[in-house]
N, C-alpha and C. Protein backbone atom coordinates (compact mmCIF):
# COMPACT_ATOMS: atom_id res chain seq x y z
N UNK A 1 -0.41 7.93 5.19
CA UNK A 1 -0.89 6.64 4.74
C UNK A 1 -2.17 6.28 5.47
N UNK A 2 -2.18 6.48 6.78
CA UNK A 2 -3.36 6.12 7.56
C UNK A 2 -4.57 6.97 7.18
N UNK A 3 -4.33 8.16 6.68
CA UNK A 3 -5.44 9.05 6.33
C UNK A 3 -6.12 8.64 5.03
N UNK A 4 -5.37 8.15 4.05
CA UNK A 4 -6.01 7.88 2.76
C UNK A 4 -6.21 6.39 2.47
N UNK A 5 -5.54 5.49 3.16
CA UNK A 5 -5.64 4.07 2.83
C UNK A 5 -7.06 3.53 2.95
N UNK A 6 -7.81 3.81 4.02
CA UNK A 6 -9.18 3.28 4.06
C UNK A 6 -10.05 3.76 2.89
N UNK A 7 -9.92 5.03 2.53
CA UNK A 7 -10.69 5.54 1.39
C UNK A 7 -10.22 4.91 0.08
N UNK A 8 -8.92 4.76 -0.07
CA UNK A 8 -8.38 4.15 -1.30
C UNK A 8 -8.85 2.71 -1.42
N UNK A 9 -8.81 1.97 -0.33
CA UNK A 9 -9.27 0.58 -0.38
C UNK A 9 -10.76 0.50 -0.68
N UNK A 10 -11.53 1.43 -0.16
CA UNK A 10 -12.96 1.46 -0.47
C UNK A 10 -13.19 1.72 -1.95
N UNK A 11 -12.45 2.66 -2.52
CA UNK A 11 -12.57 2.93 -3.96
C UNK A 11 -12.15 1.71 -4.78
N UNK A 12 -11.09 1.04 -4.37
CA UNK A 12 -10.64 -0.15 -5.09
C UNK A 12 -11.72 -1.22 -5.05
N UNK A 13 -12.29 -1.45 -3.88
CA UNK A 13 -13.35 -2.45 -3.75
C UNK A 13 -14.58 -2.10 -4.57
N UNK A 14 -14.95 -0.83 -4.60
CA UNK A 14 -16.12 -0.40 -5.37
C UNK A 14 -15.88 -0.49 -6.87
N UNK A 15 -14.64 -0.24 -7.30
CA UNK A 15 -14.35 -0.25 -8.73
C UNK A 15 -14.06 -1.65 -9.27
N UNK A 16 -13.81 -2.61 -8.39
CA UNK A 16 -13.48 -3.97 -8.82
C UNK A 16 -14.71 -4.66 -9.41
N UNK A 17 -14.44 -5.48 -10.39
CA UNK A 17 -15.51 -6.29 -10.97
C UNK A 17 -16.02 -7.27 -9.91
N UNK A 18 -17.28 -7.65 -9.99
CA UNK A 18 -17.82 -8.61 -9.01
C UNK A 18 -16.98 -9.88 -8.96
N UNK A 19 -16.64 -10.29 -7.74
CA UNK A 19 -15.83 -11.48 -7.56
C UNK A 19 -14.34 -11.26 -7.73
N UNK A 20 -13.90 -10.05 -8.03
CA UNK A 20 -12.49 -9.76 -8.28
C UNK A 20 -11.89 -8.79 -7.26
N UNK A 21 -12.59 -8.54 -6.18
CA UNK A 21 -12.09 -7.58 -5.19
C UNK A 21 -10.77 -8.05 -4.58
N UNK A 22 -10.62 -9.34 -4.35
CA UNK A 22 -9.37 -9.85 -3.78
C UNK A 22 -8.18 -9.54 -4.67
N UNK A 23 -8.34 -9.73 -5.97
CA UNK A 23 -7.26 -9.42 -6.90
C UNK A 23 -7.01 -7.91 -6.96
N UNK A 24 -8.08 -7.13 -6.93
CA UNK A 24 -7.92 -5.68 -6.96
C UNK A 24 -7.16 -5.19 -5.73
N UNK A 25 -7.49 -5.73 -4.56
CA UNK A 25 -6.79 -5.34 -3.34
C UNK A 25 -5.32 -5.77 -3.40
N UNK A 26 -5.06 -6.93 -3.97
CA UNK A 26 -3.67 -7.40 -4.08
C UNK A 26 -2.86 -6.49 -5.01
N UNK A 27 -3.46 -6.08 -6.13
CA UNK A 27 -2.74 -5.18 -7.04
C UNK A 27 -2.55 -3.81 -6.41
N UNK A 28 -3.53 -3.36 -5.63
CA UNK A 28 -3.37 -2.10 -4.90
C UNK A 28 -2.17 -2.21 -3.95
N UNK A 29 -2.09 -3.32 -3.21
CA UNK A 29 -0.98 -3.51 -2.27
C UNK A 29 0.36 -3.54 -3.00
N UNK A 30 0.38 -4.17 -4.16
CA UNK A 30 1.61 -4.23 -4.95
C UNK A 30 2.05 -2.83 -5.33
N UNK A 31 1.13 -2.02 -5.85
CA UNK A 31 1.47 -0.65 -6.24
C UNK A 31 1.86 0.18 -5.01
N UNK A 32 1.17 -0.02 -3.91
CA UNK A 32 1.44 0.72 -2.68
C UNK A 32 2.87 0.48 -2.21
N UNK A 33 3.26 -0.78 -2.13
CA UNK A 33 4.61 -1.08 -1.64
C UNK A 33 5.69 -0.70 -2.63
N UNK A 34 5.38 -0.76 -3.91
CA UNK A 34 6.35 -0.29 -4.91
C UNK A 34 6.59 1.21 -4.72
N UNK A 35 5.51 1.95 -4.49
CA UNK A 35 5.64 3.39 -4.27
C UNK A 35 6.41 3.69 -2.99
N UNK A 36 6.18 2.87 -1.95
CA UNK A 36 6.91 3.06 -0.70
C UNK A 36 8.41 2.86 -0.92
N UNK A 37 8.77 1.98 -1.85
CA UNK A 37 10.18 1.77 -2.14
C UNK A 37 10.76 2.81 -3.07
N UNK A 38 10.04 3.15 -4.11
CA UNK A 38 10.56 4.06 -5.13
C UNK A 38 10.63 5.51 -4.60
N UNK A 39 9.64 5.93 -3.84
CA UNK A 39 9.59 7.31 -3.34
C UNK A 39 10.80 7.71 -2.52
N UNK A 40 11.15 6.95 -1.46
CA UNK A 40 12.35 7.33 -0.69
C UNK A 40 13.64 7.26 -1.51
N UNK A 41 13.69 6.32 -2.45
CA UNK A 41 14.89 6.22 -3.28
C UNK A 41 15.04 7.48 -4.14
N UNK A 42 13.98 7.86 -4.83
CA UNK A 42 14.04 9.07 -5.65
C UNK A 42 14.27 10.31 -4.79
N UNK A 43 13.63 10.35 -3.61
CA UNK A 43 13.86 11.46 -2.70
C UNK A 43 15.29 11.52 -2.21
N UNK A 44 15.88 10.35 -1.93
CA UNK A 44 17.29 10.31 -1.51
C UNK A 44 18.22 10.78 -2.60
N UNK A 45 17.93 10.36 -3.84
CA UNK A 45 18.74 10.84 -4.96
C UNK A 45 18.61 12.36 -5.12
N UNK A 46 17.38 12.86 -5.06
CA UNK A 46 17.16 14.31 -5.21
C UNK A 46 17.86 15.08 -4.09
N UNK A 47 17.78 14.55 -2.85
CA UNK A 47 18.44 15.23 -1.73
C UNK A 47 19.95 15.23 -1.90
N UNK A 48 20.49 14.13 -2.41
CA UNK A 48 21.93 14.06 -2.59
C UNK A 48 22.40 14.96 -3.72
N UNK A 49 21.65 15.02 -4.80
CA UNK A 49 22.05 15.81 -5.96
C UNK A 49 21.77 17.30 -5.81
N UNK A 50 20.58 17.65 -5.28
CA UNK A 50 20.15 19.05 -5.26
C UNK A 50 19.90 19.61 -3.87
N UNK A 51 19.95 18.78 -2.82
CA UNK A 51 19.72 19.24 -1.45
C UNK A 51 18.33 18.86 -0.96
N UNK A 52 18.16 18.93 0.35
CA UNK A 52 16.90 18.51 0.96
C UNK A 52 15.72 19.42 0.58
N UNK A 53 15.97 20.71 0.48
CA UNK A 53 14.88 21.63 0.12
C UNK A 53 14.30 21.26 -1.24
N UNK A 54 15.14 21.02 -2.22
CA UNK A 54 14.66 20.64 -3.56
C UNK A 54 13.93 19.30 -3.52
N UNK A 55 14.40 18.37 -2.68
CA UNK A 55 13.73 17.07 -2.56
C UNK A 55 12.32 17.25 -2.01
N UNK A 56 12.17 18.12 -1.01
CA UNK A 56 10.83 18.35 -0.45
C UNK A 56 9.93 19.09 -1.44
N UNK A 57 10.48 20.02 -2.19
CA UNK A 57 9.69 20.72 -3.21
C UNK A 57 9.25 19.74 -4.29
N UNK A 58 10.16 18.86 -4.73
CA UNK A 58 9.80 17.85 -5.73
C UNK A 58 8.73 16.92 -5.19
N UNK A 59 8.82 16.56 -3.92
CA UNK A 59 7.81 15.71 -3.30
C UNK A 59 6.45 16.41 -3.27
N UNK A 60 6.45 17.69 -2.91
CA UNK A 60 5.19 18.45 -2.89
C UNK A 60 4.59 18.55 -4.30
N UNK A 61 5.45 18.73 -5.30
CA UNK A 61 4.96 18.77 -6.68
C UNK A 61 4.35 17.42 -7.08
N UNK A 62 4.98 16.33 -6.68
CA UNK A 62 4.43 15.00 -6.96
C UNK A 62 3.09 14.78 -6.29
N UNK A 63 2.96 15.23 -5.05
CA UNK A 63 1.68 15.11 -4.34
C UNK A 63 0.61 15.96 -5.03
N UNK A 64 0.97 17.16 -5.44
CA UNK A 64 0.01 18.04 -6.15
C UNK A 64 -0.45 17.39 -7.45
N UNK A 65 0.49 16.82 -8.21
CA UNK A 65 0.11 16.13 -9.45
C UNK A 65 -0.81 14.95 -9.18
N UNK A 66 -0.52 14.19 -8.13
CA UNK A 66 -1.38 13.06 -7.78
C UNK A 66 -2.78 13.53 -7.39
N UNK A 67 -2.86 14.62 -6.65
CA UNK A 67 -4.18 15.15 -6.27
C UNK A 67 -4.96 15.62 -7.50
N UNK A 68 -4.28 16.29 -8.40
CA UNK A 68 -4.94 16.74 -9.63
C UNK A 68 -5.41 15.54 -10.44
N UNK A 69 -4.56 14.54 -10.57
CA UNK A 69 -4.96 13.33 -11.32
C UNK A 69 -6.15 12.67 -10.65
N UNK A 70 -6.16 12.62 -9.33
CA UNK A 70 -7.29 12.03 -8.61
C UNK A 70 -8.58 12.78 -8.82
N UNK A 71 -8.49 14.09 -8.98
CA UNK A 71 -9.70 14.88 -9.21
C UNK A 71 -10.18 14.81 -10.66
N UNK A 72 -9.25 14.64 -11.58
CA UNK A 72 -9.58 14.68 -13.01
C UNK A 72 -9.98 13.31 -13.56
N UNK A 73 -9.29 12.27 -13.14
CA UNK A 73 -9.55 10.95 -13.69
C UNK A 73 -10.90 10.41 -13.21
N UNK A 74 -11.68 9.84 -14.11
CA UNK A 74 -12.98 9.31 -13.69
C UNK A 74 -12.82 7.98 -12.96
N UNK A 75 -13.73 7.72 -12.05
CA UNK A 75 -13.78 6.44 -11.35
C UNK A 75 -14.91 5.65 -11.99
N UNK A 76 -14.58 4.47 -12.46
CA UNK A 76 -15.59 3.63 -13.09
C UNK A 76 -15.99 2.53 -12.13
N UNK A 77 -17.10 2.69 -11.42
CA UNK A 77 -17.53 1.62 -10.51
C UNK A 77 -17.99 0.40 -11.30
N UNK A 78 -18.00 -0.72 -10.64
CA UNK A 78 -18.44 -1.96 -11.27
C UNK A 78 -19.84 -1.79 -11.85
N UNK A 79 -20.09 -2.42 -12.99
CA UNK A 79 -21.36 -2.26 -13.69
C UNK A 79 -22.52 -2.94 -12.96
N UNK A 80 -22.25 -4.04 -12.29
CA UNK A 80 -23.31 -4.78 -11.63
C UNK A 80 -23.53 -4.24 -10.22
N UNK A 81 -24.75 -4.35 -9.70
CA UNK A 81 -25.00 -3.87 -8.35
C UNK A 81 -24.21 -4.69 -7.33
N UNK A 82 -23.85 -4.04 -6.25
CA UNK A 82 -23.08 -4.68 -5.19
C UNK A 82 -24.03 -5.48 -4.32
N UNK A 83 -23.67 -6.73 -4.07
CA UNK A 83 -24.48 -7.56 -3.18
C UNK A 83 -23.69 -7.82 -1.91
N UNK A 84 -24.35 -7.73 -0.80
CA UNK A 84 -23.72 -7.96 0.49
C UNK A 84 -24.12 -9.35 0.98
N UNK A 85 -23.18 -10.06 1.59
CA UNK A 85 -23.46 -11.43 2.01
C UNK A 85 -24.13 -11.50 3.37
N UNK A 86 -24.04 -10.47 4.16
CA UNK A 86 -24.61 -10.50 5.49
C UNK A 86 -23.67 -11.10 6.51
N UNK A 87 -22.40 -11.30 6.16
CA UNK A 87 -21.43 -11.83 7.11
C UNK A 87 -21.22 -10.81 8.22
N UNK A 88 -21.11 -11.33 9.44
CA UNK A 88 -20.90 -10.46 10.59
C UNK A 88 -19.44 -10.50 11.01
N UNK A 89 -19.09 -9.61 11.92
CA UNK A 89 -17.72 -9.60 12.42
C UNK A 89 -17.40 -10.93 13.10
N UNK A 90 -18.37 -11.51 13.79
CA UNK A 90 -18.14 -12.80 14.44
C UNK A 90 -17.82 -13.88 13.42
N UNK A 91 -18.48 -13.85 12.25
CA UNK A 91 -18.18 -14.82 11.20
C UNK A 91 -16.75 -14.66 10.70
N UNK A 92 -16.35 -13.44 10.48
CA UNK A 92 -15.01 -13.17 9.96
C UNK A 92 -13.97 -13.37 11.05
N UNK A 93 -14.27 -12.91 12.27
CA UNK A 93 -13.32 -13.00 13.37
C UNK A 93 -13.02 -14.41 13.81
N UNK A 94 -13.89 -15.35 13.49
CA UNK A 94 -13.65 -16.74 13.84
C UNK A 94 -12.83 -17.50 12.81
N UNK A 95 -12.43 -16.82 11.74
CA UNK A 95 -11.69 -17.46 10.67
C UNK A 95 -10.19 -17.35 10.98
N UNK A 96 -9.49 -18.48 11.19
CA UNK A 96 -8.06 -18.40 11.53
C UNK A 96 -7.21 -17.77 10.43
N UNK A 97 -7.62 -17.91 9.17
CA UNK A 97 -6.85 -17.30 8.08
C UNK A 97 -6.94 -15.79 8.16
N UNK A 98 -8.11 -15.28 8.52
CA UNK A 98 -8.26 -13.83 8.68
C UNK A 98 -7.41 -13.34 9.85
N UNK A 99 -7.40 -14.09 10.95
CA UNK A 99 -6.57 -13.71 12.10
C UNK A 99 -5.10 -13.68 11.71
N UNK A 100 -4.66 -14.67 10.94
CA UNK A 100 -3.27 -14.69 10.50
C UNK A 100 -2.96 -13.44 9.68
N UNK A 101 -3.87 -13.07 8.79
CA UNK A 101 -3.69 -11.86 7.99
C UNK A 101 -3.64 -10.61 8.85
N UNK A 102 -4.51 -10.54 9.85
CA UNK A 102 -4.50 -9.37 10.74
C UNK A 102 -3.18 -9.28 11.52
N UNK A 103 -2.73 -10.42 12.05
CA UNK A 103 -1.49 -10.43 12.83
C UNK A 103 -0.31 -10.03 11.95
N UNK A 104 -0.24 -10.58 10.74
CA UNK A 104 0.85 -10.21 9.84
C UNK A 104 0.78 -8.73 9.46
N UNK A 105 -0.43 -8.23 9.23
CA UNK A 105 -0.58 -6.81 8.86
C UNK A 105 -0.13 -5.90 9.99
N UNK A 106 -0.58 -6.19 11.20
CA UNK A 106 -0.21 -5.36 12.35
C UNK A 106 1.30 -5.43 12.59
N UNK A 107 1.87 -6.64 12.50
CA UNK A 107 3.31 -6.78 12.68
C UNK A 107 4.07 -6.01 11.62
N UNK A 108 3.61 -6.11 10.37
CA UNK A 108 4.26 -5.38 9.28
C UNK A 108 4.18 -3.88 9.48
N UNK A 109 3.03 -3.39 9.95
CA UNK A 109 2.89 -1.96 10.18
C UNK A 109 3.79 -1.48 11.31
N UNK A 110 3.92 -2.28 12.36
CA UNK A 110 4.83 -1.90 13.45
C UNK A 110 6.27 -1.86 12.97
N UNK A 111 6.67 -2.87 12.20
CA UNK A 111 8.03 -2.88 11.66
C UNK A 111 8.23 -1.69 10.73
N UNK A 112 7.23 -1.45 9.87
CA UNK A 112 7.33 -0.32 8.94
C UNK A 112 7.46 0.99 9.70
N UNK A 113 6.71 1.14 10.77
CA UNK A 113 6.78 2.36 11.57
C UNK A 113 8.16 2.57 12.17
N UNK A 114 8.76 1.51 12.68
CA UNK A 114 10.10 1.61 13.26
C UNK A 114 11.13 1.90 12.18
N UNK A 115 11.05 1.17 11.06
CA UNK A 115 12.04 1.35 9.99
C UNK A 115 11.95 2.76 9.41
N UNK A 116 10.74 3.22 9.10
CA UNK A 116 10.60 4.55 8.51
C UNK A 116 10.99 5.65 9.48
N UNK A 117 10.75 5.43 10.76
CA UNK A 117 11.05 6.48 11.75
C UNK A 117 12.52 6.54 12.11
N UNK A 118 13.14 5.38 12.31
CA UNK A 118 14.47 5.38 12.91
C UNK A 118 15.60 4.99 11.97
N UNK A 119 15.34 4.24 10.92
CA UNK A 119 16.45 3.83 10.06
C UNK A 119 17.15 5.01 9.40
N UNK A 120 16.42 6.00 8.87
CA UNK A 120 17.14 7.13 8.27
C UNK A 120 18.07 7.83 9.27
N UNK A 121 17.65 7.93 10.52
CA UNK A 121 18.51 8.55 11.54
C UNK A 121 19.74 7.70 11.81
N UNK A 122 19.54 6.39 11.93
CA UNK A 122 20.67 5.48 12.15
C UNK A 122 21.61 5.48 10.95
N UNK A 123 21.03 5.40 9.75
CA UNK A 123 21.85 5.42 8.54
C UNK A 123 22.67 6.68 8.42
N UNK A 124 22.05 7.82 8.71
CA UNK A 124 22.76 9.10 8.66
C UNK A 124 23.89 9.13 9.68
N UNK A 125 23.59 8.64 10.89
CA UNK A 125 24.59 8.60 11.95
C UNK A 125 25.77 7.71 11.57
N UNK A 126 25.49 6.65 10.82
CA UNK A 126 26.55 5.71 10.42
C UNK A 126 27.23 6.12 9.12
N UNK A 127 26.86 7.30 8.58
CA UNK A 127 27.55 7.82 7.41
C UNK A 127 26.95 7.47 6.06
N UNK A 128 25.75 6.91 6.03
CA UNK A 128 25.11 6.62 4.75
C UNK A 128 24.62 7.91 4.11
N UNK A 129 24.72 7.98 2.79
CA UNK A 129 24.21 9.14 2.07
C UNK A 129 22.70 9.03 1.94
N UNK A 130 22.00 10.13 1.63
CA UNK A 130 20.56 10.04 1.41
C UNK A 130 20.19 9.04 0.31
N UNK A 131 20.99 8.98 -0.75
CA UNK A 131 20.70 8.03 -1.84
C UNK A 131 20.86 6.59 -1.36
N UNK A 132 21.84 6.31 -0.52
CA UNK A 132 22.04 4.96 0.01
C UNK A 132 20.88 4.56 0.92
N UNK A 133 20.44 5.48 1.75
CA UNK A 133 19.29 5.21 2.61
C UNK A 133 18.06 4.97 1.75
N UNK A 134 17.87 5.79 0.73
CA UNK A 134 16.75 5.61 -0.19
C UNK A 134 16.83 4.28 -0.92
N UNK A 135 18.05 3.85 -1.28
CA UNK A 135 18.21 2.58 -1.97
C UNK A 135 17.76 1.42 -1.08
N UNK A 136 18.05 1.49 0.20
CA UNK A 136 17.61 0.44 1.12
C UNK A 136 16.09 0.39 1.17
N UNK A 137 15.44 1.56 1.19
CA UNK A 137 13.99 1.59 1.14
C UNK A 137 13.47 1.05 -0.20
N UNK A 138 14.19 1.32 -1.27
CA UNK A 138 13.81 0.79 -2.57
C UNK A 138 13.82 -0.74 -2.54
N UNK A 139 14.85 -1.32 -2.00
CA UNK A 139 14.94 -2.78 -1.90
C UNK A 139 13.81 -3.33 -1.04
N UNK A 140 13.55 -2.70 0.11
CA UNK A 140 12.46 -3.15 0.98
C UNK A 140 11.10 -3.04 0.27
N UNK A 141 10.87 -1.92 -0.39
CA UNK A 141 9.58 -1.71 -1.07
C UNK A 141 9.38 -2.65 -2.23
N UNK A 142 10.43 -2.86 -3.03
CA UNK A 142 10.30 -3.76 -4.17
C UNK A 142 10.16 -5.21 -3.72
N UNK A 143 10.83 -5.58 -2.63
CA UNK A 143 10.66 -6.94 -2.10
C UNK A 143 9.22 -7.14 -1.63
N UNK A 144 8.66 -6.15 -0.94
CA UNK A 144 7.26 -6.24 -0.51
C UNK A 144 6.32 -6.28 -1.71
N UNK A 145 6.64 -5.50 -2.72
CA UNK A 145 5.84 -5.48 -3.94
C UNK A 145 5.87 -6.83 -4.63
N UNK A 146 7.04 -7.40 -4.73
CA UNK A 146 7.19 -8.70 -5.36
C UNK A 146 6.38 -9.75 -4.60
N UNK A 147 6.45 -9.69 -3.26
CA UNK A 147 5.69 -10.63 -2.44
C UNK A 147 4.20 -10.45 -2.67
N UNK A 148 3.73 -9.20 -2.70
CA UNK A 148 2.31 -8.93 -2.93
C UNK A 148 1.88 -9.42 -4.30
N UNK A 149 2.69 -9.18 -5.32
CA UNK A 149 2.33 -9.60 -6.67
C UNK A 149 2.25 -11.12 -6.77
N UNK A 150 3.17 -11.82 -6.12
CA UNK A 150 3.13 -13.29 -6.14
C UNK A 150 1.88 -13.81 -5.45
N UNK A 151 1.43 -13.11 -4.43
CA UNK A 151 0.26 -13.54 -3.68
C UNK A 151 -1.02 -13.35 -4.48
N UNK A 152 -1.00 -12.48 -5.48
CA UNK A 152 -2.20 -12.24 -6.29
C UNK A 152 -2.72 -13.54 -6.87
N UNK A 153 -1.83 -14.37 -7.35
CA UNK A 153 -2.25 -15.58 -8.03
C UNK A 153 -2.38 -16.78 -7.09
N UNK A 154 -1.83 -16.70 -5.89
CA UNK A 154 -1.85 -17.87 -5.02
C UNK A 154 -2.84 -17.78 -3.87
N UNK A 155 -3.22 -16.61 -3.45
CA UNK A 155 -4.15 -16.48 -2.33
C UNK A 155 -5.58 -16.63 -2.80
N UNK A 156 -6.42 -17.08 -1.89
CA UNK A 156 -7.83 -17.08 -2.18
C UNK A 156 -8.30 -15.64 -2.24
N UNK A 157 -9.33 -15.36 -3.02
CA UNK A 157 -9.84 -13.98 -3.02
C UNK A 157 -10.30 -13.58 -1.62
N UNK A 158 -10.25 -12.29 -1.35
CA UNK A 158 -10.66 -11.77 -0.05
C UNK A 158 -12.08 -12.22 0.28
N UNK A 159 -12.95 -12.32 -0.73
CA UNK A 159 -14.34 -12.71 -0.49
C UNK A 159 -14.41 -14.08 0.18
N UNK A 160 -13.57 -15.02 -0.24
CA UNK A 160 -13.60 -16.36 0.34
C UNK A 160 -13.11 -16.36 1.77
N UNK A 161 -12.10 -15.53 2.06
CA UNK A 161 -11.54 -15.48 3.40
C UNK A 161 -12.48 -14.82 4.39
N UNK A 162 -13.26 -13.87 3.94
CA UNK A 162 -14.10 -13.12 4.86
C UNK A 162 -15.54 -13.59 4.88
N UNK A 163 -15.84 -14.68 4.23
CA UNK A 163 -17.21 -15.15 4.21
C UNK A 163 -18.04 -14.43 3.17
N UNK A 164 -17.43 -13.72 2.26
CA UNK A 164 -18.15 -13.04 1.19
C UNK A 164 -18.57 -11.62 1.53
N UNK A 165 -18.18 -11.12 2.67
CA UNK A 165 -18.67 -9.81 3.09
C UNK A 165 -17.77 -8.64 2.76
N UNK A 166 -17.16 -8.63 1.58
CA UNK A 166 -16.27 -7.52 1.25
C UNK A 166 -16.99 -6.41 0.51
N UNK A 167 -18.21 -6.65 0.10
CA UNK A 167 -18.95 -5.60 -0.59
C UNK A 167 -18.82 -5.66 -2.09
N UNK A 168 -18.29 -6.74 -2.62
CA UNK A 168 -18.24 -6.85 -4.06
C UNK A 168 -18.59 -8.24 -4.51
């Protein structure tokens, strides 16, 4: 995730219509968290039905298909030229709403790191099946997705929060 997220967010920002980057980022987050929920659930089902080796092979096939789709599908950047506002880090860093977002993001990532690393081990130790562990991730991912989707319509666009310096 850490390897591709910055590039993916850059592509999302570049492809968004002018003034719509905030909504584009919100929809990206919605899809991201939905995938975080659905992937472990499907992997847990595959591991339970066909074994762990088949689950990993199916995962590798899914990654290969995604890479092929990424290479084949065209990227349509916004038609209008990108204007930069000239906002500096000091302008953005002094915004309490941005700080709140950063704190929530870092906290969420730490929680996600602990849950993804240790919950499957704890669940296995307590007798949960791979599908049950995957189902818990499905619930977590879909809840995060639902939260992200609701925020699409209620949050100010990213441009307003950052002083206009998002690049779109």
